[in-house]
C-alpha atoms as a PDB file:
ATOM      1  CA  UNK A   1      12.700  -1.118  20.430  1.00  0.00           C
ATOM      2  CA  UNK A   2       9.990  -3.556  19.497  1.00  0.00           C
ATOM      3  CA  UNK A   3       9.309  -6.072  16.749  1.00  0.00           C
ATOM      4  CA  UNK A   4       6.070  -6.169  14.776  1.00  0.00           C
ATOM      5  CA  UNK A   5       5.280  -9.426  12.987  1.00  0.00           C
ATOM      6  CA  UNK A   6       2.408  -9.213  10.496  1.00  0.00           C
ATOM      7  CA  UNK A   7       0.703 -11.422   7.976  1.00  0.00           C
ATOM      8  CA  UNK A   8      -1.431  -9.452   5.526  1.00  0.00           C
ATOM      9  CA  UNK A   9      -4.204 -11.046   3.475  1.00  0.00           C
ATOM     10  CA  UNK A  10      -6.236  -9.731   0.576  1.00  0.00           C
ATOM     11  CA  UNK A  11      -5.229  -8.628  -2.909  1.00  0.00           C
ATOM     12  CA  UNK A  12      -1.645  -7.954  -1.834  1.00  0.00           C
ATOM     13  CA  UNK A  13       0.481  -9.935  -4.286  1.00  0.00           C
ATOM     14  CA  UNK A  14       1.342  -8.735  -7.780  1.00  0.00           C
ATOM     15  CA  UNK A  15       0.104  -5.181  -7.107  1.00  0.00           C
ATOM     16  CA  UNK A  16       3.219  -3.467  -5.720  1.00  0.00           C
ATOM     17  CA  UNK A  17       2.360  -4.020  -2.069  1.00  0.00           C
ATOM     18  CA  UNK A  18       5.859  -5.136  -1.022  1.00  0.00           C
ATOM     19  CA  UNK A  19       7.438  -2.063  -2.615  1.00  0.00           C
ATOM     20  CA  UNK A  20       4.809   0.109  -0.918  1.00  0.00           C
ATOM     21  CA  UNK A  21       5.639  -1.418   2.479  1.00  0.00           C
ATOM     22  CA  UNK A  22       9.378  -1.093   1.904  1.00  0.00           C
ATOM     23  CA  UNK A  23       9.028   2.560   0.930  1.00  0.00           C
ATOM     24  CA  UNK A  24       6.869   3.491   3.916  1.00  0.00           C
ATOM     25  CA  UNK A  25       9.011   1.557   6.399  1.00  0.00           C
ATOM     26  CA  UNK A  26      12.190   3.125   5.033  1.00  0.00           C
ATOM     27  CA  UNK A  27      10.651   6.617   5.249  1.00  0.00           C
ATOM     28  CA  UNK A  28       9.798   5.975   8.882  1.00  0.00           C
ATOM     29  CA  UNK A  29      13.275   4.633   9.719  1.00  0.00           C
ATOM     30  CA  UNK A  30      12.020   1.109  10.380  1.00  0.00           C
ATOM     31  CA  UNK A  31      14.247  -1.925   9.781  1.00  0.00           C
ATOM     32  CA  UNK A  32      13.165  -5.421   8.755  1.00  0.00           C
ATOM     33  CA  UNK A  33      11.746  -7.119   5.678  1.00  0.00           C
ATOM     34  CA  UNK A  34       8.635  -7.985   3.677  1.00  0.00           C
ATOM     35  CA  UNK A  35       7.992 -11.058   1.501  1.00  0.00           C
ATOM     36  CA  UNK A  36       5.241 -12.922  -0.324  1.00  0.00           C
ATOM     37  CA  UNK A  37       4.123 -16.267   1.059  1.00  0.00           C
ATOM     38  CA  UNK A  38       2.950 -19.169  -1.092  1.00  0.00           C
ATOM     39  CA  UNK A  39      -0.628 -18.933   0.231  1.00  0.00           C
ATOM     40  CA  UNK A  40      -1.134 -15.445  -1.268  1.00  0.00           C
ATOM     41  CA  UNK A  41      -0.436 -13.490   1.919  1.00  0.00           C
ATOM     42  CA  UNK A  42       2.421 -11.114   2.675  1.00  0.00           C
ATOM     43  CA  UNK A  43       4.664 -11.491   5.740  1.00  0.00           C
ATOM     44  CA  UNK A  44       6.366  -8.544   7.438  1.00  0.00           C
ATOM     45  CA  UNK A  45       8.904  -8.312  10.235  1.00  0.00           C
ATOM     46  CA  UNK A  46       9.631  -4.753  11.337  1.00  0.00           C
ATOM     47  CA  UNK A  47      11.719  -3.367  14.191  1.00  0.00           C
ATOM     48  CA  UNK A  48      11.758   0.170  15.580  1.00  0.00           C
ATOM     49  CA  UNK A  49      10.359   2.324  18.352  1.00  0.00           C
ATOM     50  CA  UNK A  50       6.815   1.265  19.230  1.00  0.00           C
ATOM     51  CA  UNK A  51       5.268   4.550  18.051  1.00  0.00           C
ATOM     52  CA  UNK A  52       6.858   4.156  14.609  1.00  0.00           C
ATOM     53  CA  UNK A  53       5.586   0.598  14.368  1.00  0.00           C
ATOM     54  CA  UNK A  54       2.072   1.719  15.345  1.00  0.00           C
ATOM     55  CA  UNK A  55       2.254   4.262  12.515  1.00  0.00           C
ATOM     56  CA  UNK A  56       3.341   1.551  10.071  1.00  0.00           C
ATOM     57  CA  UNK A  57       0.526  -0.704  11.254  1.00  0.00           C
ATOM     58  CA  UNK A  58      -2.036   2.018  10.550  1.00  0.00           C
ATOM     59  CA  UNK A  59      -0.535   2.516   7.087  1.00  0.00           C
ATOM     60  CA  UNK A  60      -0.694  -1.236   6.417  1.00  0.00           C
ATOM     61  CA  UNK A  61      -4.366  -1.329   7.324  1.00  0.00           C
ATOM     62  CA  UNK A  62      -5.508   1.606   5.223  1.00  0.00           C
ATOM     63  CA  UNK A  63      -2.733   3.217   3.198  1.00  0.00           C
ATOM     64  CA  UNK A  64      -2.608   1.042   0.107  1.00  0.00           C
ATOM     65  CA  UNK A  65      -5.031   0.491  -2.767  1.00  0.00           C
ATOM     66  CA  UNK A  66      -8.629   0.743  -1.519  1.00  0.00           C
ATOM     67  CA  UNK A  67      -9.939  -2.642  -0.390  1.00  0.00           C
ATOM     68  CA  UNK A  68      -6.676  -4.464  -1.238  1.00  0.00           C
ATOM     69  CA  UNK A  69      -5.937  -5.344   2.398  1.00  0.00           C
ATOM     70  CA  UNK A  70      -8.585  -7.607   3.911  1.00  0.00           C
ATOM     71  CA  UNK A  71      -6.889  -8.554   7.185  1.00  0.00           C
ATOM     72  CA  UNK A  72      -3.785  -7.641   9.164  1.00  0.00           C
ATOM     73  CA  UNK A  73      -2.766 -10.244  11.728  1.00  0.00           C
ATOM     74  CA  UNK A  74      -0.240  -8.440  13.944  1.00  0.00           C
ATOM     75  CA  UNK A  75       1.829  -9.741  16.836  1.00  0.00           C
ATOM     76  CA  UNK A  76       4.202  -7.765  19.042  1.00  0.00           C
ATOM     77  CA  UNK A  77       7.533  -9.227  20.102  1.00  0.00           C
ATOM     78  CA  UNK A  78      10.819  -8.112  21.603  1.00  0.00           C
ATOM     79  CA  UNK A  79      13.220  -6.651  19.044  1.00  0.00           C
ATOM     80  CA  UNK A  80      16.263  -8.733  18.162  1.00  0.00           C
ATOM     81  CA  UNK A  81      18.230  -5.957  16.430  1.00  0.00           C
ATOM     82  CA  UNK A  82      19.229  -8.092  13.435  1.00  0.00           C
ATOM     83  CA  UNK A  83      18.385  -5.551  10.709  1.00  0.00           C
ATOM     84  CA  UNK A  84      20.098  -2.419   9.392  1.00  0.00           C
ATOM     85  CA  UNK A  85      17.529  -1.504   6.699  1.00  0.00           C
ATOM     86  CA  UNK A  86      14.135  -2.566   5.356  1.00  0.00           C
ATOM     87  CA  UNK A  87      14.288  -4.966   2.423  1.00  0.00           C
ATOM     88  CA  UNK A  88      12.102  -7.031   0.134  1.00  0.00           C
ATOM     89  CA  UNK A  89      12.823 -10.735   0.417  1.00  0.00           C
ATOM     90  CA  UNK A  90      12.188 -13.104  -2.476  1.00  0.00           C
END
């Protein structure tokens, strides 16, 4: 188990990006959360097997509306096991 921490920039607020991330993560069996930040970026914490997280990372970079995602700043950490599902935080 690993933890993926991401901050996504671009046109990612007000366009359904959080719901997109939640849907894809849930389909993959990934636990964690996604939320908007006040600076216009989106923050994600996801925990699962490393291969599943790599798949999610690829989806984050290219699987949403064309040109919506400008940058994905990703950091890998040890999983803490605090999550039982993938949710949207407000």
